[in-house]
Amino acid sequence: MRSISLIIFLITFFAFMQSVDAQTISVANQSENRNLWIVFNQPEYAPGDTAYFTGYYHSMEKQIVSIKLFGPAKELIYHARVLFQHGAGRGQIIIPQNYEPGSYQYVCYSESKTMEDSPFYYFGHLAISSNNHFNTRSIQIQEDTTNIIIATDKEKYQRRSRVILSISPQDLPKSSTLVSIAVYNEQLFHHDTNQHLTSISVAAGMKLNSDKIKVTSKFPGFPDYFTGRAINNSNGQAVSDSTKITFYLSNDDFAYETYTKNGGYFSFPLFKNYRDESIYYRISYKGVRLMDCKIIMDDVSINDELLTTWRSDTMNTYGIYAFQKQFINKSFHYFNREIKVNSINNFVSDVEADKEVLLDKFEPFVSMAEVISNVVPSVRYKKSGNDERIRIFLERTAELGESDPIYIVDGIMTDDTRYILNLDPKVVRKIGVLFSKDVLVRFGDLGLDGMLVIETNILDHSQLSSANRLSVVGIGSEMEYKKVAYRENNNSRLPDLRSSLYWNPNAEITKANTFDFYTSDDIGYYIIQIVGVVNGQRFYSTKRFYVSSDLD
């Protein structure tokens, strides 16, 4: 334990001696309605961290707020949609190991109204450090804007000990108030002896002219969410009114039909817990499939001139600390590491098929063409030169389908016949054939030529392609913040080097409320930060406590 503390001390001391390039934002009026507050669980992050956040917005209406994160080169590297209710929304950003250090900028906007009705965009910054690069901008905010009493059962704690935190609002409404609580190591985010960085990022609202922003469509408002426009590939013109679009949502094994309106625009309602997904679709008009058409999704493009991101070449405390922490954790976990084995895909489809074939009952086949020709019922394979076709005998017409069927491979829908025929039969477990009206009816136009449902042992289907596929960003689900607890006489030798001790983005406070968390192995001062909104007014309060070594 002494060696760990010594490392932390040396890292902190060394970092304080380096130059720090910091820019300060002054927040004059905390109740400004054109600001969006994003509260993170700590002021800075490093590659490999998870940045937990909660947002406070001036509108209390239920709505979707889109958050886009731009890197040092002003490239879009992250996009999330967060559901805001009662003026607050929560989520997280998982920062990949390959992110460059520097100041990243996020842009937020509401999707719940047309952009003409809600023309404000919110710009804020997120600092990402490394062991040899850093740049951030700190925020100075007036503290203790409301009378909240923050108390701890002690002023000084030992390492790995329990902290009991009580919060008592004195001048808030009698009804309960939701706040966020963040507890983090002050010394890791300290730029000089008189200032520490706050984890609050204030995104100022801006009304943008049409030359600064490009909107491809109009957001119809909650609960309509998945919106876009269907056009012809050849001339870019919109498809006819009442053109049918059939989508397959693989995560939910659900097909949905919608029709275009004037100008080719379409939308369909938001599903609860809707996630990121790659969606297959088909476009048809009066029962005829439109081959030369595509979908353009709603999007908002921000002019690069509005973005202020940058790389950095100076050192900082947290970046060095995070690098050392990863090194120490790897060393301690080396002999306890999990041995990875060659895993297989155990996906089991829920799609009901008319007939199924289990390939392990047969001798190994050379190709999928041989499998389809010999053992898959109601399916015909035909090759003419380089052209390979698969047709299913349909109950509805008592004839072979006019086109290749749709395939669902381990839950992923595609029309890529070449990919199916290139599969190694040794990795295919089961093939299901859908040809009856009763089984195909739930897929709508997607089932006009029948379907093959294929289960394999393949883990990665990234090579599977389709022209009729689009990726959509769903409503981000909130990850649970891992809470650490120690029993008495805990003698674990694994180091606890948490920079963030506690995060509660949805704490409810009434008269007096109690929360608890445990300290880590790091000694020094820690910050307890309380942020909330009541009656449109934001409030912010902090308290410090100290963690000492066992010998102090």
Protein backbone atom coordinates (compact mmCIF):
# COMPACT_ATOMS: atom_id res chain seq x y z
CA MET A 1 0.00 0.00 0.00
CA ARG A 2 2.88 2.39 0.81
CA SER A 3 4.38 1.84 -2.63
CA ILE A 4 1.08 2.73 -4.30
CA SER A 5 0.75 5.91 -2.26
CA LEU A 6 4.33 6.86 -3.12
CA ILE A 7 3.62 6.38 -6.84
CA ILE A 8 0.53 8.57 -6.59
CA PHE A 9 2.46 11.27 -4.75
CA LEU A 10 5.28 11.30 -7.29
CA ILE A 11 2.84 11.39 -10.19
CA THR A 12 0.96 14.30 -8.66
CA PHE A 13 4.11 16.24 -7.79
CA PHE A 14 5.61 15.72 -11.24
CA ALA A 15 2.43 16.77 -13.02
CA PHE A 16 2.12 19.95 -10.95
CA MET A 17 5.54 21.00 -12.16
CA GLN A 18 4.46 20.81 -15.81
CA SER A 19 2.86 23.65 -17.74
CA VAL A 20 -0.90 23.41 -18.12
CA ASP A 21 -2.78 24.92 -21.01
CA ALA A 22 -6.19 25.73 -19.57
CA GLN A 23 -8.92 28.02 -20.79
CA THR A 24 -11.53 29.31 -18.39
CA ILE A 25 -15.23 29.74 -19.10
CA SER A 26 -17.01 32.18 -16.82
CA VAL A 27 -20.64 31.40 -16.05
CA ALA A 28 -22.33 34.60 -14.99
CA ASN A 29 -25.96 33.55 -14.72
CA GLN A 30 -26.66 29.99 -13.68
CA SER A 31 -30.38 30.27 -14.34
CA GLU A 32 -29.88 31.17 -18.01
CA ASN A 33 -32.48 29.15 -19.90
CA ARG A 34 -30.40 28.91 -23.04
CA ASN A 35 -27.81 26.74 -21.31
CA LEU A 36 -27.71 22.98 -21.07
CA TRP A 37 -25.81 21.61 -18.11
CA ILE A 38 -23.99 18.32 -18.57
CA VAL A 39 -22.71 16.95 -15.25
CA PHE A 40 -20.04 14.25 -15.48
CA ASN A 41 -18.95 11.95 -12.67
CA GLN A 42 -15.44 13.50 -12.78
CA PRO A 43 -13.82 16.49 -14.53
CA GLU A 44 -11.51 14.66 -16.97
CA TYR A 45 -11.10 11.26 -18.59
CA ALA A 46 -8.49 9.08 -20.23
CA PRO A 47 -8.71 6.48 -23.01
CA GLY A 48 -10.43 3.38 -21.64
CA ASP A 49 -12.58 5.31 -19.13
CA THR A 50 -16.37 5.45 -19.03
CA ALA A 51 -17.71 8.99 -18.75
CA TYR A 52 -21.02 8.89 -16.87
CA PHE A 53 -23.18 11.98 -17.21
CA THR A 54 -26.55 13.50 -16.48
CA GLY A 55 -27.98 16.49 -18.33
CA TYR A 56 -30.24 19.32 -17.18
CA TYR A 57 -32.31 21.02 -19.86
CA HIS A 58 -34.56 24.07 -19.57
CA SER A 59 -37.63 22.30 -20.98
CA MET A 60 -39.60 19.91 -18.78
CA GLU A 61 -41.27 18.21 -21.77
CA LYS A 62 -40.51 14.60 -22.62
CA GLN A 63 -38.11 14.70 -25.53
CA ILE A 64 -35.08 13.17 -27.22
CA VAL A 65 -31.80 15.08 -27.08
CA SER A 66 -29.15 14.13 -29.62
CA ILE A 67 -25.52 14.35 -28.43
CA LYS A 68 -22.68 14.33 -30.96
CA LEU A 69 -19.03 14.26 -29.89
CA PHE A 70 -16.33 15.63 -32.18
CA GLY A 71 -12.64 14.78 -31.85
CA PRO A 72 -9.54 16.99 -32.11
CA ALA A 73 -9.67 16.82 -35.93
CA LYS A 74 -13.35 17.91 -35.81
CA GLU A 75 -14.46 14.46 -36.90
CA LEU A 76 -17.69 12.95 -35.58
CA ILE A 77 -16.64 10.05 -33.36
CA TYR A 78 -19.67 9.44 -31.15
CA HIS A 79 -23.42 9.90 -31.44
CA ALA A 80 -25.99 9.16 -28.76
CA ARG A 81 -29.65 9.89 -28.22
CA VAL A 82 -30.80 10.45 -24.67
CA LEU A 83 -34.38 10.50 -23.44
CA PHE A 84 -34.98 13.59 -21.26
CA GLN A 85 -37.89 13.58 -18.85
CA HIS A 86 -38.78 16.33 -16.36
CA GLY A 87 -35.80 18.34 -17.58
CA ALA A 88 -33.14 15.64 -17.05
CA GLY A 89 -31.53 12.79 -18.96
CA ARG A 90 -28.72 10.33 -18.21
CA GLY A 91 -26.19 8.26 -20.11
CA GLN A 92 -22.51 7.48 -20.58
CA ILE A 93 -19.72 7.65 -23.13
CA ILE A 94 -17.31 4.71 -23.31
CA ILE A 95 -13.99 6.23 -24.38
CA PRO A 96 -12.00 3.84 -26.61
CA GLN A 97 -8.31 3.21 -26.01
CA ASN A 98 -7.37 4.80 -29.33
CA TYR A 99 -8.87 8.23 -28.65
CA GLU A 100 -6.38 11.06 -29.01
CA PRO A 101 -5.84 13.36 -26.02
CA GLY A 102 -7.18 16.86 -26.23
CA SER A 103 -10.32 18.92 -25.94
CA TYR A 104 -13.35 17.26 -27.51
CA GLN A 105 -16.52 19.18 -28.25
CA TYR A 106 -20.05 17.90 -27.99
CA VAL A 107 -23.08 19.42 -29.71
CA CYS A 108 -26.59 18.81 -28.34
CA TYR A 109 -29.96 19.56 -29.85
CA SER A 110 -33.55 18.55 -29.25
CA GLU A 111 -35.23 16.29 -31.81
CA SER A 112 -38.70 16.74 -30.39
CA LYS A 113 -39.74 19.61 -32.63
CA THR A 114 -38.93 20.80 -36.11
CA MET A 115 -35.65 22.65 -36.26
CA GLU A 116 -37.51 25.86 -37.15
CA ASP A 117 -39.37 25.67 -33.82
CA SER A 118 -36.35 24.60 -31.77
CA PRO A 119 -33.35 26.26 -33.46
CA PHE A 120 -30.97 26.20 -30.51
CA TYR A 121 -27.83 24.06 -30.46
CA TYR A 122 -25.70 23.57 -27.37
CA PHE A 123 -21.90 23.42 -27.44
CA GLY A 124 -19.74 22.08 -24.60
CA HIS A 125 -16.36 20.43 -24.06
CA LEU A 126 -15.03 17.13 -22.74
CA ALA A 127 -11.35 16.77 -21.77
CA ILE A 128 -9.54 13.54 -22.59
CA SER A 129 -6.02 13.11 -21.21
CA SER A 130 -3.13 10.69 -21.65
CA ASN A 131 0.19 10.14 -19.92
CA ASN A 132 1.92 12.71 -22.12
CA HIS A 133 -0.82 14.87 -23.66
CA PHE A 134 -3.55 17.00 -22.25
CA ASN A 135 -5.68 20.05 -22.76
CA THR A 136 -8.82 21.14 -20.99
CA ARG A 137 -10.91 24.14 -20.23
CA SER A 138 -12.01 24.65 -16.66
CA ILE A 139 -15.29 26.17 -15.55
CA GLN A 140 -15.70 28.66 -12.75
CA ILE A 141 -19.17 28.56 -11.22
CA GLN A 142 -20.49 30.29 -8.14
CA GLU A 143 -20.89 27.64 -5.49
CA ASP A 144 -23.64 27.03 -2.95
CA THR A 145 -26.45 28.63 -4.93
CA THR A 146 -29.05 27.13 -2.63
CA ASN A 147 -29.08 26.27 1.04
CA ILE A 148 -28.22 22.56 1.01
CA ILE A 149 -26.43 21.09 3.98
CA ILE A 150 -23.92 18.39 2.97
CA ALA A 151 -22.55 16.44 5.90
CA THR A 152 -20.37 13.38 6.35
CA ASP A 153 -20.15 11.23 9.47
CA LYS A 154 -16.44 12.14 9.70
CA GLU A 155 -14.06 14.71 8.31
CA LYS A 156 -11.20 12.26 7.94
CA TYR A 157 -11.26 8.63 6.79
CA GLN A 158 -8.89 5.78 6.35
CA ARG A 159 -8.48 3.95 3.09
CA ARG A 160 -11.21 1.44 2.14
CA SER A 161 -13.56 2.76 4.79
CA ARG A 162 -17.24 3.61 4.61
CA VAL A 163 -18.40 7.20 4.18
CA ILE A 164 -21.94 8.07 5.23
CA LEU A 165 -23.20 11.14 3.40
CA SER A 166 -26.32 13.08 4.39
CA ILE A 167 -27.97 15.79 2.32
CA SER A 168 -30.54 18.17 3.80
CA PRO A 169 -32.19 20.78 1.55
CA GLN A 170 -33.19 23.88 3.49
CA ASP A 171 -34.91 26.14 0.97
CA LEU A 172 -36.19 23.80 -1.72
CA PRO A 173 -39.90 23.05 -2.38
CA LYS A 174 -41.54 20.49 -0.15
CA SER A 175 -41.84 18.06 -3.04
CA SER A 176 -38.88 15.79 -3.72
CA THR A 177 -36.04 17.05 -5.89
CA LEU A 178 -33.76 15.00 -8.15
CA VAL A 179 -30.06 15.76 -8.01
CA SER A 180 -26.81 14.20 -9.14
CA ILE A 181 -24.08 13.30 -6.65
CA ALA A 182 -20.46 12.94 -7.76
CA VAL A 183 -17.51 12.13 -5.50
CA TYR A 184 -14.03 12.29 -7.00
CA ASN A 185 -10.35 12.70 -6.09
CA GLU A 186 -9.58 16.42 -5.97
CA GLN A 187 -5.80 16.12 -6.29
CA LEU A 188 -6.04 14.41 -9.67
CA PHE A 189 -7.95 17.34 -11.15
CA HIS A 190 -6.06 20.21 -9.56
CA HIS A 191 -4.31 22.74 -11.81
CA ASP A 192 -2.84 24.95 -9.12
CA THR A 193 -3.04 25.43 -5.38
CA ASN A 194 -6.15 27.60 -5.59
CA GLN A 195 -8.28 25.95 -8.24
CA HIS A 196 -9.76 22.53 -8.95
CA LEU A 197 -11.71 21.52 -12.04
CA THR A 198 -15.43 20.94 -11.75
CA SER A 199 -17.16 18.09 -13.54
CA ILE A 200 -19.93 20.43 -14.73
CA SER A 201 -19.84 21.34 -18.42
CA VAL A 202 -22.09 24.24 -19.35
CA ALA A 203 -23.20 24.07 -22.99
CA ALA A 204 -24.27 27.50 -24.21
CA GLY A 205 -27.24 27.66 -26.59
CA MET A 206 -26.77 29.17 -30.04
CA LYS A 207 -29.22 29.93 -32.82
CA LEU A 208 -27.57 28.94 -36.10
CA ASN A 209 -28.11 30.28 -39.58
CA SER A 210 -28.79 27.92 -42.48
CA ASP A 211 -25.22 28.30 -43.76
CA LYS A 212 -23.87 26.90 -40.48
CA ILE A 213 -26.08 23.82 -40.27
CA LYS A 214 -27.63 21.35 -42.69
CA VAL A 215 -30.85 19.54 -41.80
CA THR A 216 -31.85 16.75 -44.19
CA SER A 217 -35.37 16.42 -42.84
CA LYS A 218 -37.74 17.55 -40.12
CA PHE A 219 -38.02 15.84 -36.75
CA PRO A 220 -41.74 15.14 -36.25
CA GLY A 221 -41.71 15.22 -32.47
CA PHE A 222 -42.08 12.61 -29.73
CA PRO A 223 -43.04 9.78 -29.90
CA ASP A 224 -42.18 9.66 -33.64
CA TYR A 225 -38.48 8.94 -33.76
CA PHE A 226 -37.26 6.97 -36.72
CA THR A 227 -37.67 9.46 -39.58
CA GLY A 228 -36.28 9.99 -43.05
CA ARG A 229 -37.01 10.23 -46.75
CA ALA A 230 -37.24 7.68 -49.60
CA ILE A 231 -35.80 8.74 -52.97
CA ASN A 232 -34.85 7.30 -56.35
CA ASN A 233 -31.16 6.52 -56.76
CA SER A 234 -31.05 7.57 -60.40
CA ASN A 235 -32.47 11.09 -60.18
CA GLY A 236 -32.69 11.87 -56.46
CA GLN A 237 -36.42 12.56 -56.71
CA ALA A 238 -38.81 11.53 -53.96
CA VAL A 239 -40.84 8.36 -54.35
CA SER A 240 -44.59 8.60 -54.87
CA ASP A 241 -46.92 9.27 -51.97
CA SER A 242 -48.15 6.12 -50.18
CA THR A 243 -45.06 4.12 -51.12
CA LYS A 244 -44.69 1.27 -48.65
CA ILE A 245 -41.46 0.78 -46.65
CA THR A 246 -41.08 -2.43 -44.66
CA PHE A 247 -38.41 -2.54 -41.95
CA TYR A 248 -37.06 -5.49 -40.00
CA LEU A 249 -35.77 -4.74 -36.50
CA SER A 250 -33.50 -7.68 -35.74
CA ASN A 251 -33.06 -6.87 -32.05
CA ASP A 252 -36.79 -7.31 -31.49
CA ASP A 253 -37.45 -9.77 -34.36
CA PHE A 254 -40.13 -7.40 -35.54
CA ALA A 255 -41.27 -6.21 -38.99
CA TYR A 256 -42.89 -2.79 -39.32
CA GLU A 257 -44.62 -1.20 -42.32
CA THR A 258 -45.06 2.51 -42.93
CA TYR A 259 -46.04 4.67 -45.90
CA THR A 260 -44.43 7.79 -47.31
CA LYS A 261 -46.12 11.16 -47.28
CA ASN A 262 -45.65 14.16 -49.55
CA GLY A 263 -42.02 14.50 -50.59
CA GLY A 264 -41.15 10.92 -49.70
CA TYR A 265 -41.00 11.63 -45.95
CA PHE A 266 -41.85 8.90 -43.46
CA SER A 267 -41.71 8.19 -39.74
CA PHE A 268 -42.77 5.59 -37.25
CA PRO A 269 -43.25 5.66 -33.46
CA LEU A 270 -40.46 5.25 -30.97
CA PHE A 271 -40.32 1.87 -29.28
CA LYS A 272 -39.50 1.71 -25.59
CA ASN A 273 -35.83 0.86 -24.97
CA TYR A 274 -35.05 1.23 -28.66
CA ARG A 275 -31.36 0.43 -29.21
CA ASP A 276 -28.70 1.01 -31.85
CA GLU A 277 -29.46 -1.26 -34.73
CA SER A 278 -28.66 -2.17 -38.32
CA ILE A 279 -32.05 -2.32 -40.03
CA TYR A 280 -32.95 -4.07 -43.25
CA TYR A 281 -35.71 -2.56 -45.39
CA ARG A 282 -37.58 -2.95 -48.67
CA ILE A 283 -39.47 -0.33 -50.66
CA SER A 284 -42.52 -1.23 -52.76
CA TYR A 285 -45.36 0.52 -54.53
CA LYS A 286 -48.70 -1.17 -55.19
CA GLY A 287 -47.20 -4.59 -54.59
CA VAL A 288 -44.17 -4.08 -56.86
CA ARG A 289 -40.70 -3.88 -55.33
CA LEU A 290 -38.79 -0.69 -56.19
CA MET A 291 -35.21 -1.79 -56.83
CA ASP A 292 -33.60 1.59 -57.59
CA CYS A 293 -34.62 3.40 -54.40
CA LYS A 294 -32.95 4.17 -51.09
CA ILE A 295 -33.59 5.84 -47.75
CA ILE A 296 -31.93 9.00 -46.46
CA MET A 297 -32.08 9.29 -42.69
CA ASP A 298 -32.71 12.48 -40.76
CA ASP A 299 -29.50 14.10 -39.68
CA VAL A 300 -27.96 17.39 -38.65
CA SER A 301 -24.53 18.41 -39.97
CA ILE A 302 -22.57 21.09 -38.13
CA ASN A 303 -20.22 23.45 -39.96
CA ASP A 304 -16.58 22.86 -38.93
CA GLU A 305 -16.17 26.58 -38.31
CA LEU A 306 -18.38 26.27 -35.24
CA LEU A 307 -16.23 23.60 -33.61
CA THR A 308 -13.36 24.43 -31.27
CA THR A 309 -11.49 21.19 -30.69
CA TRP A 310 -7.74 20.77 -30.38
CA ARG A 311 -4.93 18.37 -29.61
CA SER A 312 -2.38 19.05 -26.89
CA ASP A 313 1.24 18.26 -26.08
CA THR A 314 1.42 19.11 -22.37
CA MET A 315 1.27 16.74 -19.41
CA ASN A 316 -1.32 16.65 -16.65
CA THR A 317 -1.93 14.86 -13.38
CA TYR A 318 -4.87 12.68 -14.30
CA GLY A 319 -3.42 11.51 -17.61
CA ILE A 320 -0.26 10.26 -15.92
CA TYR A 321 -2.27 8.72 -13.09
CA ALA A 322 -4.63 6.85 -15.46
CA PHE A 323 -1.66 5.46 -17.41
CA GLN A 324 0.04 4.25 -14.22
CA LYS A 325 -3.22 2.79 -12.93
CA GLN A 326 -3.66 0.67 -16.06
CA PHE A 327 -0.09 -0.58 -15.74
CA ILE A 328 -0.52 -1.48 -12.04
CA ASN A 329 -3.88 -3.20 -12.60
CA LYS A 330 -2.47 -5.29 -15.44
CA SER A 331 0.43 -6.36 -13.24
CA PHE A 332 -1.81 -7.45 -10.37
CA HIS A 333 -4.25 -9.27 -12.63
CA TYR A 334 -1.64 -11.05 -14.73
CA PHE A 335 -1.82 -14.38 -12.94
CA ASN A 336 -5.59 -14.15 -12.52
CA ARG A 337 -6.29 -13.41 -16.16
CA GLU A 338 -8.94 -15.41 -17.97
CA ILE A 339 -7.72 -17.79 -20.63
CA LYS A 340 -9.76 -17.17 -23.73
CA VAL A 341 -10.75 -20.18 -25.79
CA ASN A 342 -12.06 -20.35 -29.30
CA SER A 343 -15.70 -19.50 -28.66
CA ILE A 344 -18.59 -20.30 -30.94
CA ASN A 345 -21.80 -18.50 -31.61
CA ASN A 346 -24.67 -20.04 -29.64
CA PHE A 347 -27.39 -17.88 -31.20
CA VAL A 348 -30.78 -19.59 -31.39
CA SER A 349 -33.43 -18.05 -33.65
CA ASP A 350 -36.99 -17.53 -32.45
CA VAL A 351 -38.33 -17.35 -36.00
CA GLU A 352 -40.86 -20.10 -36.70
CA ALA A 353 -40.07 -22.06 -39.87
CA ASP A 354 -42.22 -24.39 -41.96
CA LYS A 355 -39.39 -26.90 -42.30
CA GLU A 356 -35.97 -27.23 -40.64
CA VAL A 357 -32.79 -29.12 -41.46
CA LEU A 358 -30.13 -29.97 -38.86
CA LEU A 359 -26.84 -30.34 -40.69
CA ASP A 360 -25.10 -32.42 -38.03
CA LYS A 361 -27.26 -35.35 -39.16
CA PHE A 362 -25.47 -35.47 -42.50
CA GLU A 363 -21.97 -36.13 -43.70
CA PRO A 364 -20.02 -32.87 -44.26
CA PHE A 365 -20.86 -31.04 -47.48
CA VAL A 366 -18.40 -29.25 -49.74
CA SER A 367 -20.46 -26.12 -50.35
CA MET A 368 -23.71 -24.41 -49.43
CA ALA A 369 -24.90 -24.93 -52.99
CA GLU A 370 -24.56 -28.66 -52.39
CA VAL A 371 -26.44 -28.37 -49.07
CA ILE A 372 -29.35 -26.47 -50.65
CA SER A 373 -29.55 -28.77 -53.65
CA ASN A 374 -29.54 -32.01 -51.65
CA VAL A 375 -31.09 -31.63 -48.20
CA VAL A 376 -33.05 -28.35 -47.90
CA PRO A 377 -36.71 -28.97 -48.88
CA SER A 378 -38.75 -26.59 -51.06
CA VAL A 379 -35.62 -24.69 -52.14
CA ARG A 380 -33.93 -24.75 -55.55
CA TYR A 381 -30.38 -23.65 -56.43
CA LYS A 382 -29.50 -22.74 -60.01
CA LYS A 383 -26.26 -21.50 -61.55
CA SER A 384 -25.91 -19.93 -65.01
CA GLY A 385 -22.36 -18.76 -65.69
CA ASN A 386 -21.41 -16.49 -62.79
CA ASP A 387 -25.05 -15.93 -61.85
CA GLU A 388 -26.20 -18.02 -58.87
CA ARG A 389 -29.82 -18.01 -57.78
CA ILE A 390 -31.87 -19.44 -54.94
CA ARG A 391 -35.62 -19.83 -55.19
CA ILE A 392 -38.22 -21.04 -52.68
CA PHE A 393 -41.40 -22.86 -53.65
CA LEU A 394 -44.19 -20.70 -52.24
CA GLU A 395 -47.48 -22.06 -50.90
CA ARG A 396 -49.29 -18.84 -51.84
CA THR A 397 -48.61 -19.13 -55.59
CA ALA A 398 -47.72 -22.83 -55.86
CA GLU A 399 -44.68 -21.62 -57.82
CA LEU A 400 -41.07 -20.69 -57.22
CA GLY A 401 -40.49 -17.16 -56.02
CA GLU A 402 -39.64 -14.52 -58.61
CA SER A 403 -36.49 -13.39 -56.77
CA ASP A 404 -33.99 -14.68 -54.25
CA PRO A 405 -35.45 -14.99 -50.75
CA ILE A 406 -34.59 -12.92 -47.72
CA TYR A 407 -32.07 -14.53 -45.35
CA ILE A 408 -31.89 -14.18 -41.57
CA VAL A 409 -28.39 -15.24 -40.50
CA ASP A 410 -27.99 -15.44 -36.73
CA GLY A 411 -30.70 -12.81 -36.37
CA ILE A 412 -29.34 -10.48 -39.08
CA MET A 413 -31.55 -9.95 -42.13
CA THR A 414 -29.91 -9.67 -45.55
CA ASP A 415 -30.47 -10.22 -49.26
CA ASP A 416 -26.79 -11.07 -49.88
CA THR A 417 -27.08 -14.43 -51.66
CA ARG A 418 -23.36 -14.52 -52.40
CA TYR A 419 -22.55 -14.32 -48.67
CA ILE A 420 -24.88 -17.25 -47.97
CA LEU A 421 -23.38 -19.40 -50.71
CA ASN A 422 -19.84 -18.61 -49.52
CA LEU A 423 -20.54 -19.90 -46.00
CA ASP A 424 -18.60 -22.99 -44.96
CA PRO A 425 -21.20 -25.75 -44.38
CA LYS A 426 -19.12 -26.96 -41.42
CA VAL A 427 -20.12 -23.85 -39.42
CA VAL A 428 -23.83 -24.02 -40.30
CA ARG A 429 -25.95 -25.74 -37.64
CA LYS A 430 -29.51 -25.34 -38.90
CA ILE A 431 -31.47 -24.04 -41.90
CA GLY A 432 -35.16 -23.17 -41.65
CA VAL A 433 -37.42 -22.64 -44.67
CA LEU A 434 -40.38 -20.24 -44.57
CA PHE A 435 -42.80 -20.68 -47.47
CA SER A 436 -46.36 -20.77 -46.10
CA LYS A 437 -48.67 -17.77 -45.94
CA ASP A 438 -49.34 -18.22 -42.23
CA VAL A 439 -45.63 -18.13 -41.32
CA LEU A 440 -44.63 -15.34 -43.73
CA VAL A 441 -47.52 -12.98 -43.03
CA ARG A 442 -45.84 -11.20 -40.10
CA PHE A 443 -42.94 -10.15 -42.34
CA GLY A 444 -45.15 -8.31 -44.83
CA ASP A 445 -43.49 -7.56 -48.18
CA LEU A 446 -40.19 -8.90 -46.88
CA GLY A 447 -41.62 -12.42 -47.21
CA LEU A 448 -42.94 -12.17 -50.77
CA ASP A 449 -40.26 -14.59 -52.05
CA GLY A 450 -39.95 -16.70 -48.91
CA MET A 451 -37.18 -16.78 -46.32
CA LEU A 452 -34.27 -18.88 -45.12
CA VAL A 453 -33.33 -18.73 -41.44
CA ILE A 454 -29.77 -19.87 -40.85
CA GLU A 455 -27.99 -20.54 -37.55
CA THR A 456 -24.19 -20.76 -37.56
CA ASN A 457 -21.19 -20.94 -35.23
CA ILE A 458 -19.77 -17.72 -36.68
CA LEU A 459 -19.09 -14.93 -34.18
CA ASP A 460 -18.48 -12.12 -36.67
CA HIS A 461 -20.77 -11.33 -39.60
CA SER A 462 -19.15 -7.98 -40.38
CA GLN A 463 -18.60 -9.03 -44.01
CA LEU A 464 -22.32 -9.45 -44.52
CA SER A 465 -23.57 -6.61 -46.71
CA SER A 466 -26.76 -5.31 -48.24
CA ALA A 467 -27.70 -2.22 -50.22
CA ASN A 468 -30.98 -2.08 -48.31
CA ARG A 469 -29.50 -1.69 -44.87
CA LEU A 470 -29.12 1.36 -42.66
CA SER A 471 -27.70 1.96 -39.22
CA VAL A 472 -29.74 3.94 -36.72
CA VAL A 473 -28.80 5.34 -33.33
CA GLY A 474 -31.26 4.25 -30.69
CA ILE A 475 -32.09 5.64 -27.29
CA GLY A 476 -29.04 5.05 -25.14
CA SER A 477 -29.60 2.77 -22.17
CA GLU A 478 -28.12 3.86 -18.88
CA MET A 479 -25.27 1.69 -17.61
CA GLU A 480 -25.15 0.99 -13.91
CA TYR A 481 -22.29 2.66 -12.10
CA LYS A 482 -20.37 -0.02 -10.24
CA LYS A 483 -20.45 0.61 -6.51
CA VAL A 484 -17.55 -0.78 -4.47
CA ALA A 485 -18.11 -2.06 -0.93
CA TYR A 486 -15.67 -3.56 1.58
CA ARG A 487 -16.37 -5.85 4.46
CA GLU A 488 -14.57 -5.55 7.76
CA ASN A 489 -11.00 -6.87 7.82
CA ASN A 490 -10.80 -6.83 4.04
CA ASN A 491 -7.25 -7.90 3.19
CA SER A 492 -7.46 -7.94 -0.60
CA ARG A 493 -4.10 -7.15 -2.17
CA LEU A 494 -5.64 -5.92 -5.40
CA PRO A 495 -5.14 -2.14 -5.57
CA ASP A 496 -8.16 0.15 -5.52
CA LEU A 497 -7.20 3.18 -7.59
CA ARG A 498 -10.60 4.68 -8.34
CA SER A 499 -10.58 8.35 -9.27
CA SER A 500 -14.38 8.44 -8.89
CA LEU A 501 -15.70 7.02 -5.61
CA TYR A 502 -19.42 7.53 -6.12
CA TRP A 503 -21.89 8.54 -8.81
CA ASN A 504 -25.63 8.83 -8.42
CA PRO A 505 -27.27 10.68 -11.34
CA ASN A 506 -30.80 10.28 -9.99
CA ALA A 507 -30.72 10.87 -6.26
CA GLU A 508 -34.01 11.92 -4.70
CA ILE A 509 -33.79 14.31 -1.78
CA THR A 510 -36.64 15.42 0.45
CA LYS A 511 -36.11 16.50 4.06
CA ALA A 512 -32.94 14.56 4.80
CA ASN A 513 -31.42 11.69 2.86
CA THR A 514 -28.47 9.41 3.50
CA PHE A 515 -26.10 7.82 0.97
CA ASP A 516 -22.94 5.80 1.45
CA PHE A 517 -19.81 4.81 -0.46
CA TYR A 518 -16.28 3.52 0.25
CA THR A 519 -12.93 5.23 -0.09
CA SER A 520 -10.16 3.80 -2.26
CA ASP A 521 -6.41 3.33 -1.64
CA ASP A 522 -5.59 6.93 -2.61
CA ILE A 523 -4.99 9.46 0.14
CA GLY A 524 -5.78 13.16 -0.07
CA TYR A 525 -8.78 15.44 -0.43
CA TYR A 526 -11.98 14.43 -2.21
CA ILE A 527 -14.85 16.51 -3.57
CA ILE A 528 -18.55 15.80 -2.99
CA GLN A 529 -20.50 17.65 -5.67
CA ILE A 530 -24.30 18.09 -5.66
CA VAL A 531 -26.06 19.47 -8.76
CA GLY A 532 -29.79 19.76 -9.42
CA VAL A 533 -32.59 21.79 -10.94
CA VAL A 534 -35.77 22.98 -9.26
CA ASN A 535 -38.37 25.30 -10.80
CA GLY A 536 -36.02 25.95 -13.71
CA GLN A 537 -33.22 27.10 -11.40
CA ARG A 538 -29.97 25.13 -11.24
CA PHE A 539 -28.14 24.78 -7.95
CA TYR A 540 -24.67 23.54 -7.11
CA SER A 541 -22.94 22.78 -3.81
CA THR A 542 -19.74 21.02 -2.77
CA LYS A 543 -17.99 19.65 0.28
CA ARG A 544 -14.47 18.29 0.86
CA PHE A 545 -13.27 15.42 3.02
CA TYR A 546 -9.89 13.83 3.57
CA VAL A 547 -8.58 10.26 3.27
CA SER A 548 -5.43 9.49 5.22
CA SER A 549 -3.00 6.59 5.29
CA ASP A 550 -3.51 3.85 7.86
CA LEU A 551 -0.57 5.19 9.86
CA ASP A 552 -1.79 8.80 10.12
